[in-house]
Amino acid sequence: MSASKAPAIHPGEILRDLYLEPLEMTPYALAKKLHVPRTRIERLVLGKVGVTADTALRLAKFFRTTPELWLNLQASYDIKKERANLAAELEQIVEINEAA
């Protein structure tokens, strides 16, 4: 199993660093434009919550991206974090071609 050694980057960090900061936009201002509670975006950029399908659709519409971009960022983050948590257990699993 090949795993990237790059650190897990939360999608909220991407949102903050690559979208909000260059636009000089606050999480509150973005939340208003997306018609969501300000706490949703504030907690997202702090890495306290993940991107949901609802949020991905709204971010994609506003920033002219795709919802898949945001959901893939979240999935990648989740997999990297969980891979680290399960490292010892995953080492115990024998791959199918070696199991016979």
PDB file of N, CA and C in Angstrom:
ATOM      1  N   MET A   1       0.850  -1.174   0.000  1.00  0.00           N
ATOM      2  CA  MET A   1       0.000   0.000   0.000  1.00  0.00           C
ATOM      3  C   MET A   1       0.893   1.233   0.000  1.00  0.00           C
ATOM      4  N   SER A   2       0.724   2.076  -0.991  1.00  0.00           N
ATOM      5  CA  SER A   2       1.513   3.287  -1.112  1.00  0.00           C
ATOM      6  C   SER A   2       0.760   4.444  -0.466  1.00  0.00           C
ATOM      7  N   ALA A   3       1.437   5.151   0.419  1.00  0.00           N
ATOM      8  CA  ALA A   3       0.803   6.275   1.103  1.00  0.00           C
ATOM      9  C   ALA A   3       1.687   7.503   0.976  1.00  0.00           C
ATOM     10  N   SER A   4       1.049   8.614   0.692  1.00  0.00           N
ATOM     11  CA  SER A   4       1.779   9.875   0.600  1.00  0.00           C
ATOM     12  C   SER A   4       2.304  10.265   1.970  1.00  0.00           C
ATOM     13  N   LYS A   5       3.518  10.772   1.999  1.00  0.00           N
ATOM     14  CA  LYS A   5       4.120  11.223   3.260  1.00  0.00           C
ATOM     15  C   LYS A   5       3.755  12.667   3.569  1.00  0.00           C
ATOM     16  N   ALA A   6       3.050  13.322   2.648  1.00  0.00           N
ATOM     17  CA  ALA A   6       2.632  14.701   2.877  1.00  0.00           C
ATOM     18  C   ALA A   6       1.653  14.745   4.052  1.00  0.00           C
ATOM     19  N   PRO A   7       1.693  15.814   4.822  1.00  0.00           N
ATOM     20  CA  PRO A   7       0.776  15.909   5.964  1.00  0.00           C
ATOM     21  C   PRO A   7      -0.669  16.056   5.497  1.00  0.00           C
ATOM     22  N   ALA A   8      -1.584  15.640   6.345  1.00  0.00           N
ATOM     23  CA  ALA A   8      -3.008  15.803   6.053  1.00  0.00           C
ATOM     24  C   ALA A   8      -3.353  17.285   6.157  1.00  0.00           C
ATOM     25  N   ILE A   9      -3.918  17.822   5.108  1.00  0.00           N
ATOM     26  CA  ILE A   9      -4.304  19.233   5.103  1.00  0.00           C
ATOM     27  C   ILE A   9      -5.823  19.316   5.103  1.00  0.00           C
ATOM     28  N   HIS A  10      -6.359  19.961   6.125  1.00  0.00           N
ATOM     29  CA  HIS A  10      -7.811  20.092   6.254  1.00  0.00           C
ATOM     30  C   HIS A  10      -8.341  21.025   5.158  1.00  0.00           C
ATOM     31  N   PRO A  11      -9.498  20.697   4.573  1.00  0.00           N
ATOM     32  CA  PRO A  11     -10.054  21.556   3.531  1.00  0.00           C
ATOM     33  C   PRO A  11     -10.316  22.984   4.007  1.00  0.00           C
ATOM     34  N   GLY A  12     -10.542  23.152   5.298  1.00  0.00           N
ATOM     35  CA  GLY A  12     -10.733  24.494   5.838  1.00  0.00           C
ATOM     36  C   GLY A  12      -9.483  25.348   5.699  1.00  0.00           C
ATOM     37  N   GLU A  13      -8.325  24.700   5.791  1.00  0.00           N
ATOM     38  CA  GLU A  13      -7.058  25.417   5.604  1.00  0.00           C
ATOM     39  C   GLU A  13      -6.922  25.872   4.149  1.00  0.00           C
ATOM     40  N   ILE A  14      -7.317  25.018   3.225  1.00  0.00           N
ATOM     41  CA  ILE A  14      -7.309  25.373   1.800  1.00  0.00           C
ATOM     42  C   ILE A  14      -8.262  26.543   1.563  1.00  0.00           C
ATOM     43  N   LEU A  15      -9.450  26.435   2.116  1.00  0.00           N
ATOM     44  CA  LEU A  15     -10.442  27.499   1.969  1.00  0.00           C
ATOM     45  C   LEU A  15      -9.890  28.827   2.487  1.00  0.00           C
ATOM     46  N   ARG A  16      -9.305  28.796   3.663  1.00  0.00           N
ATOM     47  CA  ARG A  16      -8.769  30.016   4.276  1.00  0.00           C
ATOM     48  C   ARG A  16      -7.594  30.588   3.469  1.00  0.00           C
ATOM     49  N   ASP A  17      -6.594  29.735   3.210  1.00  0.00           N
ATOM     50  CA  ASP A  17      -5.340  30.209   2.612  1.00  0.00           C
ATOM     51  C   ASP A  17      -5.434  30.537   1.121  1.00  0.00           C
ATOM     52  N   LEU A  18      -6.203  29.741   0.372  1.00  0.00           N
ATOM     53  CA  LEU A  18      -6.236  29.916  -1.077  1.00  0.00           C
ATOM     54  C   LEU A  18      -7.443  30.687  -1.600  1.00  0.00           C
ATOM     55  N   TYR A  19      -8.456  30.829  -0.758  1.00  0.00           N
ATOM     56  CA  TYR A  19      -9.664  31.514  -1.213  1.00  0.00           C
ATOM     57  C   TYR A  19      -9.983  32.756  -0.386  1.00  0.00           C
ATOM     58  N   LEU A  20     -10.146  32.602   0.909  1.00  0.00           N
ATOM     59  CA  LEU A  20     -10.568  33.741   1.723  1.00  0.00           C
ATOM     60  C   LEU A  20      -9.495  34.817   1.856  1.00  0.00           C
ATOM     61  N   GLU A  21      -8.278  34.413   2.225  1.00  0.00           N
ATOM     62  CA  GLU A  21      -7.220  35.415   2.433  1.00  0.00           C
ATOM     63  C   GLU A  21      -6.908  36.227   1.169  1.00  0.00           C
ATOM     64  N   PRO A  22      -6.739  35.601   0.003  1.00  0.00           N
ATOM     65  CA  PRO A  22      -6.477  36.410  -1.198  1.00  0.00           C
ATOM     66  C   PRO A  22      -7.613  37.390  -1.524  1.00  0.00           C
ATOM     67  N   LEU A  23      -8.846  37.013  -1.173  1.00  0.00           N
ATOM     68  CA  LEU A  23      -9.989  37.885  -1.426  1.00  0.00           C
ATOM     69  C   LEU A  23     -10.231  38.865  -0.270  1.00  0.00           C
ATOM     70  N   GLU A  24      -9.425  38.731   0.782  1.00  0.00           N
ATOM     71  CA  GLU A  24      -9.613  39.531   2.000  1.00  0.00           C
ATOM     72  C   GLU A  24     -11.055  39.416   2.496  1.00  0.00           C
ATOM     73  N   MET A  25     -11.554  38.177   2.502  1.00  0.00           N
ATOM     74  CA  MET A  25     -12.921  37.892   2.916  1.00  0.00           C
ATOM     75  C   MET A  25     -12.905  37.146   4.246  1.00  0.00           C
ATOM     76  N   THR A  26     -13.791  37.498   5.115  1.00  0.00           N
ATOM     77  CA  THR A  26     -13.896  36.816   6.408  1.00  0.00           C
ATOM     78  C   THR A  26     -14.805  35.597   6.277  1.00  0.00           C
ATOM     79  N   PRO A  27     -14.670  34.643   7.192  1.00  0.00           N
ATOM     80  CA  PRO A  27     -15.610  33.524   7.200  1.00  0.00           C
ATOM     81  C   PRO A  27     -17.062  34.001   7.330  1.00  0.00           C
ATOM     82  N   TYR A  28     -17.270  35.047   8.121  1.00  0.00           N
ATOM     83  CA  TYR A  28     -18.617  35.595   8.298  1.00  0.00           C
ATOM     84  C   TYR A  28     -19.181  36.092   6.961  1.00  0.00           C
ATOM     85  N   ALA A  29     -18.366  36.835   6.206  1.00  0.00           N
ATOM     86  CA  ALA A  29     -18.821  37.355   4.913  1.00  0.00           C
ATOM     87  C   ALA A  29     -19.145  36.216   3.946  1.00  0.00           C
ATOM     88  N   LEU A  30     -18.304  35.182   3.942  1.00  0.00           N
ATOM     89  CA  LEU A  30     -18.570  34.034   3.073  1.00  0.00           C
ATOM     90  C   LEU A  30     -19.856  33.334   3.492  1.00  0.00           C
ATOM     91  N   ALA A  31     -20.038  33.158   4.776  1.00  0.00           N
ATOM     92  CA  ALA A  31     -21.251  32.497   5.274  1.00  0.00           C
ATOM     93  C   ALA A  31     -22.505  33.234   4.806  1.00  0.00           C
ATOM     94  N   LYS A  32     -22.464  34.549   4.864  1.00  0.00           N
ATOM     95  CA  LYS A  32     -23.617  35.339   4.401  1.00  0.00           C
ATOM     96  C   LYS A  32     -23.885  35.083   2.920  1.00  0.00           C
ATOM     97  N   LYS A  33     -22.817  35.032   2.117  1.00  0.00           N
ATOM     98  CA  LYS A  33     -22.977  34.821   0.678  1.00  0.00           C
ATOM     99  C   LYS A  33     -23.468  33.407   0.362  1.00  0.00           C
ATOM    100  N   LEU A  34     -23.113  32.442   1.224  1.00  0.00           N
ATOM    101  CA  LEU A  34     -23.526  31.056   1.010  1.00  0.00           C
ATOM    102  C   LEU A  34     -24.874  30.733   1.650  1.00  0.00           C
ATOM    103  N   HIS A  35     -25.416  31.692   2.420  1.00  0.00           N
ATOM    104  CA  HIS A  35     -26.691  31.497   3.122  1.00  0.00           C
ATOM    105  C   HIS A  35     -26.616  30.351   4.129  1.00  0.00           C
ATOM    106  N   VAL A  36     -25.528  30.347   4.898  1.00  0.00           N
ATOM    107  CA  VAL A  36     -25.349  29.347   5.961  1.00  0.00           C
ATOM    108  C   VAL A  36     -24.993  30.078   7.252  1.00  0.00           C
ATOM    109  N   PRO A  37     -25.147  29.404   8.400  1.00  0.00           N
ATOM    110  CA  PRO A  37     -24.750  30.031   9.658  1.00  0.00           C
ATOM    111  C   PRO A  37     -23.252  30.352   9.658  1.00  0.00           C
ATOM    112  N   ARG A  38     -22.892  31.483  10.223  1.00  0.00           N
ATOM    113  CA  ARG A  38     -21.487  31.894  10.249  1.00  0.00           C
ATOM    114  C   ARG A  38     -20.622  30.855  10.939  1.00  0.00           C
ATOM    115  N   THR A  39     -21.182  30.185  11.948  1.00  0.00           N
ATOM    116  CA  THR A  39     -20.402  29.189  12.690  1.00  0.00           C
ATOM    117  C   THR A  39     -19.969  28.029  11.800  1.00  0.00           C
ATOM    118  N   ARG A  40     -20.734  27.711  10.780  1.00  0.00           N
ATOM    119  CA  ARG A  40     -20.360  26.609   9.887  1.00  0.00           C
ATOM    120  C   ARG A  40     -19.028  26.914   9.205  1.00  0.00           C
ATOM    121  N   ILE A  41     -18.903  28.119   8.656  1.00  0.00           N
ATOM    122  CA  ILE A  41     -17.672  28.479   7.947  1.00  0.00           C
ATOM    123  C   ILE A  41     -16.547  28.746   8.932  1.00  0.00           C
ATOM    124  N   GLU A  42     -16.848  29.386  10.046  1.00  0.00           N
ATOM    125  CA  GLU A  42     -15.813  29.625  11.060  1.00  0.00           C
ATOM    126  C   GLU A  42     -15.212  28.310  11.545  1.00  0.00           C
ATOM    127  N   ARG A  43     -16.056  27.324  11.845  1.00  0.00           N
ATOM    128  CA  ARG A  43     -15.578  26.034  12.332  1.00  0.00           C
ATOM    129  C   ARG A  43     -14.851  25.259  11.237  1.00  0.00           C
ATOM    130  N   LEU A  44     -15.275  25.442   9.978  1.00  0.00           N
ATOM    131  CA  LEU A  44     -14.605  24.784   8.858  1.00  0.00           C
ATOM    132  C   LEU A  44     -13.184  25.313   8.695  1.00  0.00           C
ATOM    133  N   VAL A  45     -13.002  26.635   8.685  1.00  0.00           N
ATOM    134  CA  VAL A  45     -11.662  27.181   8.489  1.00  0.00           C
ATOM    135  C   VAL A  45     -10.749  26.907   9.680  1.00  0.00           C
ATOM    136  N   LEU A  46     -11.323  26.615  10.845  1.00  0.00           N
ATOM    137  CA  LEU A  46     -10.522  26.237  12.016  1.00  0.00           C
ATOM    138  C   LEU A  46     -10.225  24.735  12.049  1.00  0.00           C
ATOM    139  N   GLY A  47     -10.775  23.988  11.097  1.00  0.00           N
ATOM    140  CA  GLY A  47     -10.534  22.555  11.044  1.00  0.00           C
ATOM    141  C   GLY A  47     -11.333  21.767  12.060  1.00  0.00           C
ATOM    142  N   LYS A  48     -12.388  22.369  12.602  1.00  0.00           N
ATOM    143  CA  LYS A  48     -13.201  21.701  13.627  1.00  0.00           C
ATOM    144  C   LYS A  48     -14.320  20.858  13.047  1.00  0.00           C
ATOM    145  N   VAL A  49     -14.724  21.164  11.826  1.00  0.00           N
ATOM    146  CA  VAL A  49     -15.743  20.365  11.131  1.00  0.00           C
ATOM    147  C   VAL A  49     -15.270  20.117   9.712  1.00  0.00           C
ATOM    148  N   GLY A  50     -15.869  19.125   9.093  1.00  0.00           N
ATOM    149  CA  GLY A  50     -15.509  18.795   7.724  1.00  0.00           C
ATOM    150  C   GLY A  50     -16.474  19.405   6.724  1.00  0.00           C
ATOM    151  N   VAL A  51     -16.151  19.213   5.468  1.00  0.00           N
ATOM    152  CA  VAL A  51     -16.996  19.682   4.369  1.00  0.00           C
ATOM    153  C   VAL A  51     -18.099  18.655   4.139  1.00  0.00           C
ATOM    154  N   THR A  52     -19.332  19.106   4.193  1.00  0.00           N
ATOM    155  CA  THR A  52     -20.480  18.252   3.881  1.00  0.00           C
ATOM    156  C   THR A  52     -20.846  18.437   2.415  1.00  0.00           C
ATOM    157  N   ALA A  53     -21.711  17.589   1.915  1.00  0.00           N
ATOM    158  CA  ALA A  53     -22.177  17.735   0.532  1.00  0.00           C
ATOM    159  C   ALA A  53     -22.856  19.091   0.347  1.00  0.00           C
ATOM    160  N   ASP A  54     -23.642  19.508   1.326  1.00  0.00           N
ATOM    161  CA  ASP A  54     -24.317  20.805   1.267  1.00  0.00           C
ATOM    162  C   ASP A  54     -23.303  21.943   1.143  1.00  0.00           C
ATOM    163  N   THR A  55     -22.298  21.922   2.004  1.00  0.00           N
ATOM    164  CA  THR A  55     -21.279  22.974   1.975  1.00  0.00           C
ATOM    165  C   THR A  55     -20.482  22.911   0.672  1.00  0.00           C
ATOM    166  N   ALA A  56     -20.164  21.713   0.210  1.00  0.00           N
ATOM    167  CA  ALA A  56     -19.410  21.555  -1.039  1.00  0.00           C
ATOM    168  C   ALA A  56     -20.162  22.163  -2.213  1.00  0.00           C
ATOM    169  N   LEU A  57     -21.460  21.942  -2.274  1.00  0.00           N
ATOM    170  CA  LEU A  57     -22.262  22.508  -3.358  1.00  0.00           C
ATOM    171  C   LEU A  57     -22.253  24.035  -3.308  1.00  0.00           C
ATOM    172  N   ARG A  58     -22.354  24.584  -2.113  1.00  0.00           N
ATOM    173  CA  ARG A  58     -22.383  26.038  -1.952  1.00  0.00           C
ATOM    174  C   ARG A  58     -21.020  26.660  -2.281  1.00  0.00           C
ATOM    175  N   LEU A  59     -19.943  26.045  -1.787  1.00  0.00           N
ATOM    176  CA  LEU A  59     -18.597  26.546  -2.083  1.00  0.00           C
ATOM    177  C   LEU A  59     -18.312  26.476  -3.582  1.00  0.00           C
ATOM    178  N   ALA A  60     -18.714  25.371  -4.200  1.00  0.00           N
ATOM    179  CA  ALA A  60     -18.490  25.194  -5.635  1.00  0.00           C
ATOM    180  C   ALA A  60     -19.215  26.264  -6.443  1.00  0.00           C
ATOM    181  N   LYS A  61     -20.437  26.539  -6.086  1.00  0.00           N
ATOM    182  CA  LYS A  61     -21.212  27.558  -6.793  1.00  0.00           C
ATOM    183  C   LYS A  61     -20.555  28.927  -6.642  1.00  0.00           C
ATOM    184  N   PHE A  62     -20.189  29.288  -5.421  1.00  0.00           N
ATOM    185  CA  PHE A  62     -19.636  30.613  -5.165  1.00  0.00           C
ATOM    186  C   PHE A  62     -18.264  30.803  -5.807  1.00  0.00           C
ATOM    187  N   PHE A  63     -17.380  29.805  -5.644  1.00  0.00           N
ATOM    188  CA  PHE A  63     -16.006  29.947  -6.124  1.00  0.00           C
ATOM    189  C   PHE A  63     -15.793  29.410  -7.542  1.00  0.00           C
ATOM    190  N   ARG A  64     -16.870  28.976  -8.197  1.00  0.00           N
ATOM    191  CA  ARG A  64     -16.784  28.437  -9.562  1.00  0.00           C
ATOM    192  C   ARG A  64     -15.828  27.245  -9.640  1.00  0.00           C
ATOM    193  N   THR A  65     -15.992  26.356  -8.679  1.00  0.00           N
ATOM    194  CA  THR A  65     -15.236  25.103  -8.698  1.00  0.00           C
ATOM    195  C   THR A  65     -16.256  23.983  -8.854  1.00  0.00           C
ATOM    196  N   THR A  66     -15.903  22.797  -8.417  1.00  0.00           N
ATOM    197  CA  THR A  66     -16.853  21.688  -8.423  1.00  0.00           C
ATOM    198  C   THR A  66     -17.064  21.216  -6.990  1.00  0.00           C
ATOM    199  N   PRO A  67     -18.221  20.656  -6.697  1.00  0.00           N
ATOM    200  CA  PRO A  67     -18.416  20.100  -5.357  1.00  0.00           C
ATOM    201  C   PRO A  67     -17.440  18.950  -5.095  1.00  0.00           C
ATOM    202  N   GLU A  68     -17.078  18.238  -6.159  1.00  0.00           N
ATOM    203  CA  GLU A  68     -16.135  17.128  -6.013  1.00  0.00           C
ATOM    204  C   GLU A  68     -14.782  17.600  -5.490  1.00  0.00           C
ATOM    205  N   LEU A  69     -14.360  18.796  -5.892  1.00  0.00           N
ATOM    206  CA  LEU A  69     -13.098  19.339  -5.373  1.00  0.00           C
ATOM    207  C   LEU A  69     -13.137  19.366  -3.851  1.00  0.00           C
ATOM    208  N   TRP A  70     -14.175  19.945  -3.300  1.00  0.00           N
ATOM    209  CA  TRP A  70     -14.281  20.115  -1.851  1.00  0.00           C
ATOM    210  C   TRP A  70     -14.456  18.775  -1.143  1.00  0.00           C
ATOM    211  N   LEU A  71     -15.267  17.889  -1.727  1.00  0.00           N
ATOM    212  CA  LEU A  71     -15.464  16.573  -1.103  1.00  0.00           C
ATOM    213  C   LEU A  71     -14.207  15.712  -1.211  1.00  0.00           C
ATOM    214  N   ASN A  72     -13.468  15.837  -2.309  1.00  0.00           N
ATOM    215  CA  ASN A  72     -12.212  15.092  -2.451  1.00  0.00           C
ATOM    216  C   ASN A  72     -11.162  15.594  -1.470  1.00  0.00           C
ATOM    217  N   LEU A  73     -11.113  16.904  -1.245  1.00  0.00           N
ATOM    218  CA  LEU A  73     -10.201  17.439  -0.226  1.00  0.00           C
ATOM    219  C   LEU A  73     -10.540  16.852   1.138  1.00  0.00           C
ATOM    220  N   GLN A  74     -11.840  16.772   1.440  1.00  0.00           N
ATOM    221  CA  GLN A  74     -12.265  16.221   2.731  1.00  0.00           C
ATOM    222  C   GLN A  74     -11.932  14.740   2.818  1.00  0.00           C
ATOM    223  N   ALA A  75     -12.220  13.996   1.750  1.00  0.00           N
ATOM    224  CA  ALA A  75     -11.942  12.560   1.751  1.00  0.00           C
ATOM    225  C   ALA A  75     -10.447  12.291   1.906  1.00  0.00           C
ATOM    226  N   SER A  76      -9.627  13.049   1.205  1.00  0.00           N
ATOM    227  CA  SER A  76      -8.178  12.888   1.306  1.00  0.00           C
ATOM    228  C   SER A  76      -7.701  13.144   2.727  1.00  0.00           C
ATOM    229  N   TYR A  77      -8.202  14.195   3.342  1.00  0.00           N
ATOM    230  CA  TYR A  77      -7.852  14.516   4.728  1.00  0.00           C
ATOM    231  C   TYR A  77      -8.263  13.382   5.661  1.00  0.00           C
ATOM    232  N   ASP A  78      -9.502  12.931   5.522  1.00  0.00           N
ATOM    233  CA  ASP A  78     -10.017  11.864   6.388  1.00  0.00           C
ATOM    234  C   ASP A  78      -9.198  10.586   6.249  1.00  0.00           C
ATOM    235  N   ILE A  79      -8.857  10.215   5.013  1.00  0.00           N
ATOM    236  CA  ILE A  79      -8.088   8.993   4.774  1.00  0.00           C
ATOM    237  C   ILE A  79      -6.695   9.093   5.387  1.00  0.00           C
ATOM    238  N   LYS A  80      -6.025  10.226   5.209  1.00  0.00           N
ATOM    239  CA  LYS A  80      -4.682  10.385   5.783  1.00  0.00           C
ATOM    240  C   LYS A  80      -4.712  10.312   7.300  1.00  0.00           C
ATOM    241  N   LYS A  81      -5.688  10.949   7.904  1.00  0.00           N
ATOM    242  CA  LYS A  81      -5.790  10.917   9.367  1.00  0.00           C
ATOM    243  C   LYS A  81      -6.086   9.494   9.851  1.00  0.00           C
ATOM    244  N   GLU A  82      -6.999   8.831   9.198  1.00  0.00           N
ATOM    245  CA  GLU A  82      -7.379   7.481   9.617  1.00  0.00           C
ATOM    246  C   GLU A  82      -6.274   6.474   9.337  1.00  0.00           C
ATOM    247  N   ARG A  83      -5.538   6.655   8.237  1.00  0.00           N
ATOM    248  CA  ARG A  83      -4.418   5.773   7.930  1.00  0.00           C
ATOM    249  C   ARG A  83      -3.401   5.818   9.070  1.00  0.00           C
ATOM    250  N   ALA A  84      -3.136   6.999   9.578  1.00  0.00           N
ATOM    251  CA  ALA A  84      -2.190   7.138  10.693  1.00  0.00           C
ATOM    252  C   ALA A  84      -2.741   6.456  11.949  1.00  0.00           C
ATOM    253  N   ASN A  85      -4.031   6.629  12.199  1.00  0.00           N
ATOM    254  CA  ASN A  85      -4.648   6.016  13.382  1.00  0.00           C
ATOM    255  C   ASN A  85      -4.670   4.490  13.307  1.00  0.00           C
ATOM    256  N   LEU A  86      -4.807   3.960  12.105  1.00  0.00           N
ATOM    257  CA  LEU A  86      -4.948   2.506  11.919  1.00  0.00           C
ATOM    258  C   LEU A  86      -3.662   1.821  11.469  1.00  0.00           C
ATOM    259  N   ALA A  87      -2.558   2.529  11.453  1.00  0.00           N
ATOM    260  CA  ALA A  87      -1.314   2.004  10.883  1.00  0.00           C
ATOM    261  C   ALA A  87      -0.975   0.607  11.393  1.00  0.00           C
ATOM    262  N   ALA A  88      -0.996   0.403  12.694  1.00  0.00           N
ATOM    263  CA  ALA A  88      -0.636  -0.900  13.263  1.00  0.00           C
ATOM    264  C   ALA A  88      -1.614  -1.986  12.820  1.00  0.00           C
ATOM    265  N   GLU A  89      -2.897  -1.679  12.827  1.00  0.00           N
ATOM    266  CA  GLU A  89      -3.905  -2.658  12.423  1.00  0.00           C
ATOM    267  C   GLU A  89      -3.788  -2.981  10.935  1.00  0.00           C
ATOM    268  N   LEU A  90      -3.553  -1.972  10.117  1.00  0.00           N
ATOM    269  CA  LEU A  90      -3.437  -2.197   8.676  1.00  0.00           C
ATOM    270  C   LEU A  90      -2.242  -3.081   8.349  1.00  0.00           C
ATOM    271  N   GLU A  91      -1.177  -2.963   9.124  1.00  0.00           N
ATOM    272  CA  GLU A  91       0.004  -3.818   8.921  1.00  0.00           C
ATOM    273  C   GLU A  91      -0.329  -5.290   9.153  1.00  0.00           C
ATOM    274  N   GLN A  92      -1.319  -5.571   9.962  1.00  0.00           N
ATOM    275  CA  GLN A  92      -1.712  -6.946  10.283  1.00  0.00           C
ATOM    276  C   GLN A  92      -2.532  -7.602   9.173  1.00  0.00           C
ATOM    277  N   ILE A  93      -3.081  -6.800   8.263  1.00  0.00           N
ATOM    278  CA  ILE A  93      -3.937  -7.328   7.206  1.00  0.00           C
ATOM    279  C   ILE A  93      -3.068  -7.824   6.051  1.00  0.00           C
ATOM    280  N   VAL A  94      -3.274  -9.097   5.692  1.00  0.00           N
ATOM    281  CA  VAL A  94      -2.534  -9.690   4.586  1.00  0.00           C
ATOM    282  C   VAL A  94      -3.314  -9.444   3.306  1.00  0.00           C
ATOM    283  N   GLU A  95      -2.622  -8.920   2.304  1.00  0.00           N
ATOM    284  CA  GLU A  95      -3.287  -8.634   1.031  1.00  0.00           C
ATOM    285  C   GLU A  95      -3.738  -9.924   0.363  1.00  0.00           C
ATOM    286  N   ILE A  96      -4.752  -9.847  -0.471  1.00  0.00           N
ATOM    287  CA  ILE A  96      -5.413 -11.003  -1.050  1.00  0.00           C
ATOM    288  C   ILE A  96      -4.448 -11.915  -1.802  1.00  0.00           C
ATOM    289  N   ASN A  97      -3.495 -11.388  -2.541  1.00  0.00           N
ATOM    290  CA  ASN A  97      -2.609 -12.245  -3.319  1.00  0.00           C
ATOM    291  C   ASN A  97      -1.618 -12.992  -2.432  1.00  0.00           C
ATOM    292  N   GLU A  98      -1.501 -12.611  -1.163  1.00  0.00           N
ATOM    293  CA  GLU A  98      -0.597 -13.292  -0.238  1.00  0.00           C
ATOM    294  C   GLU A  98      -1.376 -14.195   0.726  1.00  0.00           C
ATOM    295  N   ALA A  99      -2.672 -14.129   0.723  1.00  0.00           N
ATOM    296  CA  ALA A  99      -3.494 -14.827   1.707  1.00  0.00           C
ATOM    297  C   ALA A  99      -3.649 -16.323   1.436  1.00  0.00           C
ATOM    298  N   ALA A 100      -3.394 -16.749   0.237  1.00  0.00           N
ATOM    299  CA  ALA A 100      -3.638 -18.154  -0.131  1.00  0.00           C
ATOM    300  C   ALA A 100      -2.728 -19.125   0.536  1.00  0.00           C
TER     301      ALA A 100
END
